N, C-alpha and C. Protein backbone atom coordinates (compact mmCIF):
# COMPACT_ATOMS: atom_id res chain seq x y z
N UNK A 1 150.07 17.12 133.55
CA UNK A 1 151.03 16.16 133.03
C UNK A 1 152.04 15.77 134.23
N UNK A 2 152.14 14.45 134.24
CA UNK A 2 153.10 13.88 135.23
C UNK A 2 154.61 14.06 134.93
N UNK A 3 155.46 14.00 135.97
CA UNK A 3 156.75 14.34 135.91
C UNK A 3 157.45 13.00 136.12
N UNK A 4 158.38 12.53 135.17
CA UNK A 4 159.15 11.44 135.38
C UNK A 4 160.57 12.00 135.97
N UNK A 5 160.97 11.24 137.02
CA UNK A 5 162.29 11.56 137.64
C UNK A 5 163.45 10.96 137.04
N UNK A 6 163.14 10.21 135.97
CA UNK A 6 164.24 9.68 135.27
C UNK A 6 165.20 10.79 134.59
N UNK A 7 166.46 10.48 134.54
CA UNK A 7 167.29 11.46 133.88
C UNK A 7 167.44 11.17 132.27
N UNK A 8 166.56 10.34 131.66
CA UNK A 8 166.63 10.13 130.35
C UNK A 8 166.06 11.37 129.67
N UNK A 9 166.75 11.71 128.63
CA UNK A 9 166.28 12.91 127.89
C UNK A 9 165.02 12.95 127.22
N UNK A 10 164.12 14.03 127.06
CA UNK A 10 162.94 14.08 126.45
C UNK A 10 162.96 15.26 125.65
N UNK A 11 162.26 15.36 124.52
CA UNK A 11 162.23 16.47 123.67
C UNK A 11 160.87 17.20 123.61
N UNK A 12 160.81 18.39 123.63
CA UNK A 12 159.54 19.22 123.32
C UNK A 12 159.82 19.65 121.81
N UNK A 13 158.76 19.27 121.03
CA UNK A 13 158.89 19.65 119.61
C UNK A 13 157.91 20.76 119.18
N UNK A 14 157.90 21.47 117.87
CA UNK A 14 157.19 22.37 117.38
C UNK A 14 157.73 22.92 116.15
N UNK A 15 156.43 24.43 112.85
CA UNK A 15 157.16 25.54 112.39
C UNK A 15 156.04 26.37 112.24
N UNK A 16 156.20 25.65 112.82
CA UNK A 16 156.68 26.24 113.99
C UNK A 16 157.50 25.14 114.85
N UNK A 17 157.34 25.26 116.18
CA UNK A 17 158.35 24.35 116.88
C UNK A 17 157.62 23.51 117.94
N UNK A 18 158.24 22.46 118.37
CA UNK A 18 157.73 21.68 119.38
C UNK A 18 158.89 21.35 120.37
N UNK A 19 158.37 20.86 121.52
CA UNK A 19 159.43 20.61 122.60
C UNK A 19 159.53 19.20 122.62
N UNK A 20 160.70 18.43 122.57
CA UNK A 20 160.98 17.00 122.61
C UNK A 20 162.01 16.66 123.54
N UNK A 21 161.83 15.23 123.97
CA UNK A 21 162.84 14.78 124.93
C UNK A 21 163.92 13.85 124.24
N UNK A 22 165.10 14.14 124.44
CA UNK A 22 166.22 13.37 123.87
C UNK A 22 166.39 12.08 124.55
N UNK A 23 166.97 11.08 123.79
CA UNK A 23 167.20 9.64 124.40
C UNK A 23 168.54 9.44 124.97
N UNK A 24 169.44 10.40 124.57
CA UNK A 24 171.00 10.40 125.07
C UNK A 24 171.14 11.44 126.11
N UNK A 25 170.88 11.18 127.39
CA UNK A 25 171.08 12.12 128.35
C UNK A 25 171.78 11.26 129.46
N UNK A 26 172.40 12.12 130.39
CA UNK A 26 173.26 11.26 131.40
C UNK A 26 172.27 10.30 132.04
N UNK A 27 172.82 9.12 132.25
CA UNK A 27 172.17 7.95 132.75
C UNK A 27 171.51 8.04 133.99
N UNK A 28 171.29 6.99 134.73
CA UNK A 28 170.60 7.09 136.00
C UNK A 28 169.50 6.11 136.17
N UNK A 29 169.24 5.92 137.41
CA UNK A 29 168.19 4.94 137.72
C UNK A 29 166.80 5.36 137.42
N UNK A 30 166.10 4.58 136.61
CA UNK A 30 164.77 5.10 136.15
C UNK A 30 163.77 4.75 137.37
N UNK A 31 164.31 3.94 138.32
CA UNK A 31 163.41 3.59 139.49
C UNK A 31 163.65 4.43 140.72
N UNK A 32 164.66 5.33 140.48
CA UNK A 32 165.13 6.09 141.69
C UNK A 32 163.99 6.86 142.29
N UNK A 33 164.07 7.26 143.59
CA UNK A 33 163.09 7.96 144.36
C UNK A 33 163.22 9.45 143.95
N UNK A 34 162.29 10.16 144.29
CA UNK A 34 162.30 11.75 143.97
C UNK A 34 163.59 12.16 144.78
N UNK A 35 164.36 12.87 144.21
CA UNK A 35 165.49 13.41 145.01
C UNK A 35 165.10 14.61 146.10
N UNK A 36 166.04 14.69 147.02
CA UNK A 36 165.55 15.63 148.16
C UNK A 36 165.48 17.08 147.49
N UNK A 37 166.42 17.56 146.57
CA UNK A 37 166.62 18.79 146.07
C UNK A 37 165.78 18.86 144.77
N UNK A 38 165.74 20.07 144.20
CA UNK A 38 164.87 20.30 142.90
C UNK A 38 165.46 19.52 141.87
N UNK A 39 164.81 18.94 140.87
CA UNK A 39 165.34 18.37 139.74
C UNK A 39 165.69 19.25 138.69
N UNK A 40 166.87 19.04 138.21
CA UNK A 40 167.51 20.07 137.24
C UNK A 40 167.33 19.55 135.89
N UNK A 41 166.74 20.34 134.96
CA UNK A 41 166.48 19.95 133.48
C UNK A 41 167.20 20.93 132.60
N UNK A 42 167.87 20.39 131.51
CA UNK A 42 168.70 21.31 130.59
C UNK A 42 167.71 21.39 129.39
N UNK A 43 167.63 22.64 128.86
CA UNK A 43 166.70 22.83 127.72
C UNK A 43 167.52 23.84 126.69
N UNK A 44 167.55 23.23 125.57
CA UNK A 44 168.32 24.01 124.28
C UNK A 44 167.11 24.56 123.36
N UNK A 45 167.10 25.81 123.05
CA UNK A 45 166.13 26.32 122.08
C UNK A 45 166.73 27.70 121.57
N UNK A 46 165.97 28.17 120.70
CA UNK A 46 166.35 29.44 120.04
C UNK A 46 165.22 30.49 119.95
N UNK A 47 164.01 30.22 120.20
CA UNK A 47 162.92 30.94 120.05
C UNK A 47 163.05 32.30 120.79
N UNK A 48 162.70 33.40 120.27
CA UNK A 48 162.82 34.67 121.03
C UNK A 48 161.93 34.62 122.19
N UNK A 49 162.44 35.02 123.38
CA UNK A 49 161.65 35.13 124.51
C UNK A 49 161.64 33.90 125.38
N UNK A 50 162.29 32.81 124.85
CA UNK A 50 162.40 31.45 125.61
C UNK A 50 163.01 31.76 127.01
N UNK A 51 164.06 32.26 127.08
CA UNK A 51 164.88 32.70 128.39
C UNK A 51 163.88 33.32 129.38
N UNK A 52 163.07 34.34 128.95
CA UNK A 52 162.11 34.92 129.88
C UNK A 52 161.15 33.99 130.29
N UNK A 53 160.62 32.96 129.44
CA UNK A 53 159.76 32.10 129.98
C UNK A 53 160.39 31.13 131.01
N UNK A 54 161.58 30.69 130.62
CA UNK A 54 162.43 29.70 131.63
C UNK A 54 162.44 30.41 132.90
N UNK A 55 162.79 31.69 132.88
CA UNK A 55 163.12 32.45 134.16
C UNK A 55 161.88 32.60 134.93
N UNK A 56 160.72 32.76 134.15
CA UNK A 56 159.49 32.87 134.94
C UNK A 56 159.00 31.50 135.54
N UNK A 57 159.37 30.35 134.69
CA UNK A 57 159.06 29.15 135.27
C UNK A 57 159.82 28.75 136.54
N UNK A 58 161.16 29.11 136.46
CA UNK A 58 162.06 28.80 137.70
C UNK A 58 161.62 29.61 138.82
N UNK A 59 161.09 30.79 138.64
CA UNK A 59 160.71 31.70 139.74
C UNK A 59 159.31 31.21 140.46
N UNK A 60 158.71 30.39 139.58
CA UNK A 60 157.35 29.91 140.19
C UNK A 60 157.41 28.41 140.49
N UNK A 61 158.48 27.70 140.46
CA UNK A 61 158.58 26.29 140.75
C UNK A 61 159.81 26.13 141.62
N UNK A 62 159.73 25.41 142.79
CA UNK A 62 160.55 25.06 143.69
C UNK A 62 161.21 23.70 143.49
N UNK A 63 160.48 22.69 142.86
CA UNK A 63 160.90 21.45 142.68
C UNK A 63 161.54 20.93 141.37
N UNK A 64 161.49 22.00 140.47
CA UNK A 64 162.26 21.78 139.26
C UNK A 64 162.99 23.00 138.86
N UNK A 65 164.13 22.93 138.32
CA UNK A 65 164.97 23.92 137.92
C UNK A 65 165.30 23.84 136.50
N UNK A 66 165.08 24.69 135.57
CA UNK A 66 165.46 24.45 134.17
C UNK A 66 166.62 25.15 133.89
N UNK A 67 167.70 24.73 133.33
CA UNK A 67 168.82 25.46 132.66
C UNK A 67 168.69 25.65 131.28
N UNK A 68 168.57 26.92 130.87
CA UNK A 68 168.37 27.20 129.41
C UNK A 68 169.77 27.67 128.67
N UNK A 69 170.00 26.98 127.47
CA UNK A 69 171.02 27.32 126.74
C UNK A 69 170.53 27.80 125.28
N UNK A 70 170.72 28.89 124.80
CA UNK A 70 170.33 29.36 123.41
C UNK A 70 171.29 28.79 122.36
N UNK A 71 170.64 28.16 121.24
CA UNK A 71 171.59 27.46 120.28
C UNK A 71 171.10 28.20 119.03
N UNK A 72 171.73 27.95 117.84
CA UNK A 72 171.29 28.52 116.69
C UNK A 72 170.05 27.94 116.15
N UNK A 73 169.29 28.54 115.49
CA UNK A 73 167.88 28.10 114.99
C UNK A 73 167.99 26.91 114.02
N UNK A 74 167.29 25.89 114.13
CA UNK A 74 167.08 24.87 113.12
C UNK A 74 168.29 24.54 112.39
N UNK A 75 168.15 24.63 111.04
CA UNK A 75 169.19 24.22 110.17
C UNK A 75 170.39 25.16 110.16
N UNK A 76 170.34 26.24 110.91
CA UNK A 76 171.33 27.30 110.88
C UNK A 76 172.45 26.77 111.86
N UNK A 77 172.35 25.54 112.40
CA UNK A 77 173.48 24.84 113.14
C UNK A 77 172.98 24.23 114.33
N UNK A 78 171.77 24.56 114.83
CA UNK A 78 171.14 24.07 115.90
C UNK A 78 170.87 22.51 116.00
N UNK A 79 170.40 22.08 114.72
CA UNK A 79 170.17 20.65 114.55
C UNK A 79 171.46 19.79 114.71
N UNK A 80 172.52 20.29 114.03
CA UNK A 80 173.73 19.58 114.02
C UNK A 80 174.32 19.58 115.45
N UNK A 81 174.11 20.59 116.22
CA UNK A 81 174.68 20.59 117.60
C UNK A 81 173.96 19.61 118.50
N UNK A 82 172.57 19.55 118.21
CA UNK A 82 171.66 18.49 118.95
C UNK A 82 172.09 17.07 118.57
N UNK A 83 172.38 16.82 117.19
CA UNK A 83 172.65 15.34 116.82
C UNK A 83 174.14 15.04 117.45
N UNK A 84 175.00 15.95 117.35
CA UNK A 84 176.31 15.74 117.90
C UNK A 84 176.28 15.35 119.40
N UNK A 85 175.49 16.14 120.08
CA UNK A 85 175.32 15.96 121.51
C UNK A 85 174.59 14.66 121.79
N UNK A 86 173.67 14.11 120.90
CA UNK A 86 173.03 12.73 121.08
C UNK A 86 174.07 11.63 120.91
N UNK A 87 174.81 11.91 119.90
CA UNK A 87 175.88 10.82 119.52
C UNK A 87 177.01 10.76 120.67
N UNK A 88 177.28 11.92 121.26
CA UNK A 88 178.35 12.01 122.32
C UNK A 88 177.90 11.54 123.78
N UNK A 89 176.39 11.46 123.75
CA UNK A 89 175.91 11.16 124.98
C UNK A 89 175.76 12.23 125.99
N UNK A 90 175.84 13.42 125.67
CA UNK A 90 175.63 14.50 126.60
C UNK A 90 174.70 15.42 126.09
N UNK A 91 173.62 14.95 125.51
CA UNK A 91 172.35 15.82 125.16
C UNK A 91 171.63 16.41 126.20
N UNK A 92 170.95 17.48 126.05
CA UNK A 92 170.04 18.17 126.99
C UNK A 92 168.87 17.30 127.27
N UNK A 93 168.20 17.62 128.18
CA UNK A 93 166.91 16.86 128.52
C UNK A 93 165.77 17.29 127.48
N UNK A 94 165.60 18.58 127.17
CA UNK A 94 164.57 19.06 126.28
C UNK A 94 165.19 19.94 125.09
N UNK A 95 164.56 19.89 123.97
CA UNK A 95 165.05 20.75 122.79
C UNK A 95 163.87 21.09 122.10
N UNK A 96 164.17 22.31 121.32
CA UNK A 96 163.17 22.61 120.31
C UNK A 96 163.40 22.00 119.05
N UNK A 97 162.45 21.51 118.37
CA UNK A 97 162.51 20.87 117.20
C UNK A 97 161.33 21.45 116.29
N UNK A 98 161.58 21.96 115.03
CA UNK A 98 160.50 22.26 114.19
C UNK A 98 159.79 21.18 113.70
N UNK A 99 158.48 21.13 113.45
CA UNK A 99 157.55 20.07 113.02
C UNK A 99 158.10 19.37 111.75
N UNK A 100 158.54 19.94 110.69
CA UNK A 100 159.07 19.23 109.65
C UNK A 100 160.17 18.34 109.86
N UNK A 101 161.01 18.78 110.84
CA UNK A 101 162.21 18.07 111.16
C UNK A 101 162.09 17.04 112.15
N UNK A 102 160.94 16.92 112.77
CA UNK A 102 160.72 15.92 113.87
C UNK A 102 160.89 14.60 113.42
N UNK A 103 160.26 14.11 112.12
CA UNK A 103 160.42 12.73 111.65
C UNK A 103 161.82 12.23 111.67
N UNK A 104 162.84 13.16 111.16
CA UNK A 104 164.15 12.75 110.92
C UNK A 104 164.74 12.42 112.31
N UNK A 105 164.45 13.25 113.42
CA UNK A 105 165.13 12.92 114.63
C UNK A 105 164.43 11.65 115.29
N UNK A 106 163.22 11.48 115.01
CA UNK A 106 162.46 10.19 115.44
C UNK A 106 163.13 9.05 114.86
N UNK A 107 163.21 9.11 113.52
CA UNK A 107 163.80 7.88 112.86
C UNK A 107 165.23 7.45 113.10
N UNK A 108 165.82 8.49 113.53
CA UNK A 108 167.33 8.31 113.82
C UNK A 108 167.45 7.85 115.37
N UNK A 109 166.26 7.75 115.96
CA UNK A 109 166.36 7.33 117.44
C UNK A 109 166.91 8.15 118.43
N UNK A 110 166.73 9.69 118.10
CA UNK A 110 167.32 10.64 119.00
C UNK A 110 166.23 11.11 119.98
N UNK A 111 165.02 10.72 119.72
CA UNK A 111 163.96 11.32 120.77
C UNK A 111 163.31 10.17 121.48
N UNK A 112 162.77 10.35 122.67
CA UNK A 112 161.99 9.55 123.38
C UNK A 112 160.49 9.56 123.23
N UNK A 113 159.91 8.46 123.24
CA UNK A 113 158.34 8.53 123.22
C UNK A 113 157.90 9.06 124.52
N UNK A 114 157.03 10.05 124.52
CA UNK A 114 156.54 10.74 125.69
C UNK A 114 155.17 10.54 126.05
N UNK A 115 154.48 9.43 125.42
CA UNK A 115 153.18 9.15 125.57
C UNK A 115 152.66 8.79 126.97
N UNK A 116 153.70 8.31 127.79
CA UNK A 116 153.37 8.07 129.23
C UNK A 116 153.12 9.42 129.99
N UNK A 117 153.65 10.50 129.63
CA UNK A 117 153.42 11.75 130.22
C UNK A 117 152.50 12.58 129.62
N UNK A 118 152.39 12.58 128.25
CA UNK A 118 151.69 13.48 127.34
C UNK A 118 150.28 12.71 127.24
N UNK A 119 149.36 12.87 128.11
CA UNK A 119 148.01 12.16 128.11
C UNK A 119 147.18 12.57 127.11
N UNK A 120 145.90 11.99 126.93
CA UNK A 120 144.92 12.51 126.10
C UNK A 120 144.41 13.79 126.75
N UNK A 121 144.25 13.98 127.92
CA UNK A 121 143.72 15.13 128.51
C UNK A 121 144.61 16.28 128.09
N UNK A 122 145.93 16.10 128.15
CA UNK A 122 146.90 16.95 127.83
C UNK A 122 146.80 17.46 126.17
N UNK A 123 146.60 16.42 125.45
CA UNK A 123 146.56 16.49 123.98
C UNK A 123 145.35 17.32 123.53
N UNK A 124 144.30 17.19 124.35
CA UNK A 124 143.08 17.88 124.12
C UNK A 124 143.23 19.50 124.34
N UNK A 125 144.13 19.92 124.95
CA UNK A 125 144.32 21.32 125.33
C UNK A 125 145.03 21.90 123.87
N UNK A 126 145.46 21.27 122.99
CA UNK A 126 146.16 21.82 121.90
C UNK A 126 145.50 21.63 120.61
N UNK A 127 145.89 22.44 119.65
CA UNK A 127 145.25 22.19 118.25
C UNK A 127 145.32 20.84 117.84
N UNK A 128 144.38 20.15 117.22
CA UNK A 128 144.52 18.82 116.89
C UNK A 128 145.66 18.68 115.69
N UNK A 129 145.63 19.80 114.89
CA UNK A 129 146.59 19.81 113.79
C UNK A 129 148.00 19.65 114.24
N UNK A 130 148.22 20.44 115.33
CA UNK A 130 149.61 20.45 115.90
C UNK A 130 149.98 19.19 116.66
N UNK A 131 148.85 18.60 117.14
CA UNK A 131 149.10 17.38 117.88
C UNK A 131 149.47 16.30 116.91
N UNK A 132 148.65 16.38 115.78
CA UNK A 132 149.01 15.37 114.69
C UNK A 132 150.57 15.41 114.10
N UNK A 133 151.08 16.64 114.07
CA UNK A 133 152.42 16.78 113.57
C UNK A 133 153.45 16.19 114.52
N UNK A 134 153.03 15.90 115.80
CA UNK A 134 153.99 15.57 116.78
C UNK A 134 153.64 13.85 117.06
N UNK A 135 152.80 13.44 116.38
CA UNK A 135 152.43 11.98 116.62
C UNK A 135 152.85 11.18 115.27
N UNK A 136 153.69 10.33 115.52
CA UNK A 136 154.28 9.48 114.47
C UNK A 136 154.25 7.92 114.80
N UNK A 137 153.61 7.17 113.83
CA UNK A 137 153.61 5.85 114.05
C UNK A 137 152.65 5.55 115.36
N UNK A 138 151.72 6.41 115.59
CA UNK A 138 150.83 6.28 116.65
C UNK A 138 151.39 6.53 118.04
N UNK A 139 152.45 7.11 118.02
CA UNK A 139 153.24 7.50 119.27
C UNK A 139 153.61 8.96 119.33
N UNK A 140 153.57 9.39 120.60
CA UNK A 140 153.77 10.96 120.85
C UNK A 140 155.32 11.18 121.02
N UNK A 141 155.78 11.97 120.19
CA UNK A 141 157.16 12.39 120.28
C UNK A 141 157.55 13.86 120.63
N UNK A 142 156.56 14.63 120.86
CA UNK A 142 156.87 16.03 121.29
C UNK A 142 155.62 16.69 121.81
N UNK A 143 155.91 17.78 122.54
CA UNK A 143 154.65 18.67 122.89
C UNK A 143 154.65 19.96 122.07
N UNK A 144 153.51 20.20 121.40
CA UNK A 144 153.55 21.32 120.46
C UNK A 144 153.50 22.64 121.41
N UNK A 145 154.37 23.72 121.06
CA UNK A 145 154.35 25.00 121.79
C UNK A 145 154.32 26.04 120.92
N UNK A 146 154.36 25.94 119.69
CA UNK A 146 154.41 27.13 118.80
C UNK A 146 153.65 26.72 117.47
N UNK A 147 152.62 27.44 117.10
CA UNK A 147 151.99 27.28 115.84
C UNK A 147 151.68 28.68 115.18
N UNK A 148 152.63 28.99 114.27
CA UNK A 148 152.47 30.23 113.67
C UNK A 148 151.27 30.49 112.78
N UNK A 149 150.43 31.50 112.88
CA UNK A 149 149.39 31.68 112.06
C UNK A 149 149.87 32.26 110.71
N UNK A 150 149.28 32.04 109.64
CA UNK A 150 149.66 32.54 108.30
C UNK A 150 148.44 33.24 107.69
N UNK A 151 148.61 34.55 107.10
CA UNK A 151 147.55 35.10 106.40
C UNK A 151 148.07 35.74 105.14
N UNK A 152 147.25 36.00 104.15
CA UNK A 152 147.49 36.86 103.00
C UNK A 152 146.94 38.33 103.24
N UNK A 153 147.87 39.18 102.98
CA UNK A 153 147.37 40.60 102.98
C UNK A 153 147.37 40.85 101.52
N UNK A 154 146.21 41.81 101.34
CA UNK A 154 145.91 42.29 100.00
C UNK A 154 145.88 43.74 99.72
N UNK A 155 146.18 44.23 98.62
CA UNK A 155 146.02 45.70 98.28
C UNK A 155 144.57 46.06 98.16
N UNK A 156 144.03 46.62 99.17
CA UNK A 156 142.58 46.99 99.14
C UNK A 156 142.29 48.02 98.01
N UNK A 157 143.23 48.89 97.93
CA UNK A 157 143.04 49.95 96.96
C UNK A 157 143.04 49.35 95.50
N UNK A 158 143.86 48.43 95.20
CA UNK A 158 143.77 47.80 93.89
C UNK A 158 142.60 47.01 93.63
N UNK A 159 142.18 46.33 94.65
CA UNK A 159 140.93 45.56 94.43
C UNK A 159 139.68 46.42 94.27
N UNK A 160 139.60 47.45 95.03
CA UNK A 160 138.53 48.34 94.88
C UNK A 160 138.62 49.07 93.55
N UNK A 161 139.77 49.35 93.17
CA UNK A 161 139.94 50.19 91.76
C UNK A 161 139.38 49.39 90.69
N UNK A 162 139.50 48.12 90.68
CA UNK A 162 139.05 47.25 89.54
C UNK A 162 138.02 46.51 89.92
N UNK A 163 137.39 46.72 90.91
CA UNK A 163 136.06 45.99 91.32
C UNK A 163 136.17 44.51 91.58
N UNK A 164 137.28 44.02 92.18
CA UNK A 164 137.47 42.73 92.33
C UNK A 164 137.26 42.27 93.78
N UNK A 165 136.48 41.19 93.92
CA UNK A 165 135.88 40.81 95.12
C UNK A 165 137.09 39.93 95.85
N UNK A 166 137.25 40.24 97.17
CA UNK A 166 138.30 39.55 98.05
C UNK A 166 138.00 38.08 98.00
N UNK A 167 138.88 37.30 97.64
CA UNK A 167 138.79 35.82 97.53
C UNK A 167 138.76 35.18 99.04
N UNK A 168 137.81 34.23 99.22
CA UNK A 168 137.82 33.43 100.41
C UNK A 168 137.87 32.06 100.35
N UNK A 169 138.15 31.55 98.96
CA UNK A 169 138.38 30.21 98.73
C UNK A 169 139.40 30.21 97.66
N UNK A 170 140.20 29.10 97.44
CA UNK A 170 141.10 28.95 96.33
C UNK A 170 140.58 29.13 94.94
N UNK A 171 139.22 28.59 94.79
CA UNK A 171 138.67 28.86 93.50
C UNK A 171 138.53 30.41 93.19
N UNK A 172 138.11 31.14 94.29
CA UNK A 172 137.82 32.52 94.23
C UNK A 172 139.22 33.24 94.00
N UNK A 173 140.30 32.72 94.56
CA UNK A 173 141.66 33.15 94.44
C UNK A 173 142.12 33.17 92.99
N UNK A 174 141.78 32.05 92.33
CA UNK A 174 142.16 31.94 90.89
C UNK A 174 141.38 32.95 90.15
N UNK A 175 140.10 32.96 90.27
CA UNK A 175 139.25 33.93 89.57
C UNK A 175 139.78 35.35 89.74
N UNK A 176 140.12 35.72 91.00
CA UNK A 176 140.65 37.15 91.40
C UNK A 176 141.89 37.30 90.71
N UNK A 177 142.85 36.28 90.55
CA UNK A 177 144.21 36.35 90.02
C UNK A 177 144.07 36.61 88.47
N UNK A 178 143.03 36.14 87.91
CA UNK A 178 142.74 36.34 86.39
C UNK A 178 142.35 37.76 86.24
N UNK A 179 141.41 38.28 87.22
CA UNK A 179 140.86 39.59 87.07
C UNK A 179 141.87 40.61 87.20
N UNK A 180 142.78 40.35 88.16
CA UNK A 180 143.90 41.31 88.53
C UNK A 180 144.80 41.49 87.33
N UNK A 181 145.19 40.36 86.69
CA UNK A 181 146.12 40.49 85.45
C UNK A 181 145.40 41.03 84.27
N UNK A 182 144.07 40.82 84.14
CA UNK A 182 143.28 41.28 83.01
C UNK A 182 143.12 42.95 83.10
N UNK A 183 143.13 43.33 84.49
CA UNK A 183 142.96 44.73 84.74
C UNK A 183 144.35 45.49 84.48
N UNK A 184 145.25 44.75 84.83
CA UNK A 184 146.59 45.40 84.76
C UNK A 184 147.60 44.32 84.32
N UNK A 185 148.16 44.38 83.08
CA UNK A 185 148.87 43.45 82.55
C UNK A 185 150.37 43.17 83.32
N UNK A 186 150.68 44.33 84.00
CA UNK A 186 151.94 44.23 84.79
C UNK A 186 151.68 43.73 86.30
N UNK A 187 150.43 43.60 86.72
CA UNK A 187 150.11 43.26 88.09
C UNK A 187 149.85 41.92 88.32
N UNK A 188 150.15 41.38 89.39
CA UNK A 188 149.93 39.98 89.79
C UNK A 188 149.36 39.86 91.18
N UNK A 189 148.44 39.00 91.43
CA UNK A 189 147.78 38.92 92.84
C UNK A 189 148.72 38.50 93.93
N UNK A 190 149.78 37.76 93.62
CA UNK A 190 150.70 37.34 94.66
C UNK A 190 151.98 36.99 94.11
N UNK A 191 153.12 36.79 94.91
CA UNK A 191 154.27 36.27 94.40
C UNK A 191 154.90 35.35 95.46
N UNK A 192 155.45 34.31 95.06
CA UNK A 192 156.06 33.22 95.89
C UNK A 192 157.59 33.06 95.58
N UNK A 193 158.26 33.19 96.65
CA UNK A 193 159.74 33.10 96.36
C UNK A 193 160.35 31.66 96.03
N UNK A 194 160.83 31.49 94.88
CA UNK A 194 161.09 30.05 94.48
C UNK A 194 162.24 29.47 95.37
N UNK A 195 163.17 30.24 96.13
CA UNK A 195 164.03 29.69 96.99
C UNK A 195 163.60 29.55 98.41
N UNK A 196 162.21 29.58 98.65
CA UNK A 196 161.79 29.46 100.07
C UNK A 196 160.43 28.73 99.85
N UNK A 197 160.45 27.33 100.08
CA UNK A 197 159.38 26.53 99.93
C UNK A 197 158.28 26.56 101.04
N UNK A 198 158.62 27.38 102.14
CA UNK A 198 157.73 27.16 103.34
C UNK A 198 156.35 27.57 103.21
N UNK A 199 156.02 28.66 102.31
CA UNK A 199 154.81 29.08 102.01
C UNK A 199 153.90 28.05 101.33
N UNK A 200 154.54 27.33 100.38
CA UNK A 200 153.86 26.38 99.61
C UNK A 200 153.58 25.18 100.54
N UNK A 201 154.69 24.85 101.30
CA UNK A 201 154.40 23.71 102.20
C UNK A 201 153.21 23.95 103.19
N UNK A 202 153.26 25.07 103.75
CA UNK A 202 152.02 25.58 104.74
C UNK A 202 150.69 25.36 103.93
N UNK A 203 150.70 25.88 102.71
CA UNK A 203 149.30 25.81 102.04
C UNK A 203 148.92 24.33 101.65
N UNK A 204 150.02 23.53 101.37
CA UNK A 204 149.79 22.12 101.07
C UNK A 204 149.36 21.39 102.42
N UNK A 205 149.91 21.74 103.63
CA UNK A 205 149.37 21.12 104.83
C UNK A 205 148.00 21.53 105.01
N UNK A 206 147.70 22.77 104.87
CA UNK A 206 146.34 23.39 105.07
C UNK A 206 145.33 22.44 104.26
N UNK A 207 145.67 22.20 103.09
CA UNK A 207 144.82 21.39 102.00
C UNK A 207 144.71 19.99 102.37
N UNK A 208 145.48 19.67 103.35
CA UNK A 208 145.48 18.10 103.79
C UNK A 208 146.45 17.36 103.03
N UNK A 209 147.38 17.80 102.30
CA UNK A 209 148.24 17.10 101.52
C UNK A 209 149.30 16.42 102.51
N UNK A 210 149.72 15.16 102.10
CA UNK A 210 150.79 14.57 102.79
C UNK A 210 151.80 14.03 101.91
N UNK A 211 153.01 14.41 102.03
CA UNK A 211 153.89 14.09 100.93
C UNK A 211 154.57 12.77 101.25
N UNK A 212 154.74 12.39 102.66
CA UNK A 212 155.36 11.10 103.00
C UNK A 212 154.77 10.73 104.40
N UNK A 213 154.92 9.46 104.64
CA UNK A 213 154.59 9.00 105.99
C UNK A 213 155.22 7.67 106.30
N UNK A 214 155.20 7.39 107.59
CA UNK A 214 156.04 6.05 108.06
C UNK A 214 154.80 4.94 107.78
N UNK A 215 155.25 3.79 107.18
CA UNK A 215 154.33 2.79 107.01
C UNK A 215 154.98 1.45 106.90
N UNK A 216 154.63 0.58 107.79
CA UNK A 216 155.29 -0.89 107.82
C UNK A 216 156.93 -0.70 107.98
N UNK A 217 157.27 0.01 108.90
CA UNK A 217 158.74 0.31 109.27
C UNK A 217 159.49 0.90 108.13
N UNK A 218 158.83 1.62 107.11
CA UNK A 218 159.56 2.31 106.06
C UNK A 218 158.81 3.60 105.67
N UNK A 219 159.50 4.40 104.83
CA UNK A 219 158.74 5.56 104.49
C UNK A 219 158.10 5.53 103.26
N UNK A 220 156.87 5.99 103.11
CA UNK A 220 156.06 5.78 101.87
C UNK A 220 155.80 7.28 101.44
N UNK A 221 156.39 7.59 100.22
CA UNK A 221 156.23 8.78 99.57
C UNK A 221 154.73 9.01 98.90
């Protein structure tokens, strides 16, 4: 992945999260020659272990120095801090953004297209599903760096007790759910928290559902 010596901000994005480059960073000449000393990049994020990764990067690179600042996660205040920094013109070079929030930052003009640096060879190293989540309007806006796996755990003793086969498809899941309730009127195969839509969102994405997309310079629901 080639390195731009411009001081224009870029974002690394990824819900998980991705890494994106912001548009409002300290100005500078895009055509400037490579500086004599190391390039300094500022990075805001919240993921556990990020500082350790940054420290390891700085220890193994002499031409780039990354200054990391921990901010609150996502909607807990981190996004407001990022947005305010963009408006004030003092945003960091790189930020963490969750996949579902990426379109909002792109549509507001806060992020920089990184297609010139994030090549097809780079994209091929990532899960295509994650790359799709960072590609909007045919342009690349972030580099995936976190994709959390999701899995269902089940009560093996309950399934064995009632002779219920472990489902491997959604049709099997529906059948098993009916069998669980028939076997024990007080039992249910699963529960979903009504105040947390993320599980449902993840399953909708897995099934290929698309709730909205950009089309003809507008949003299509």
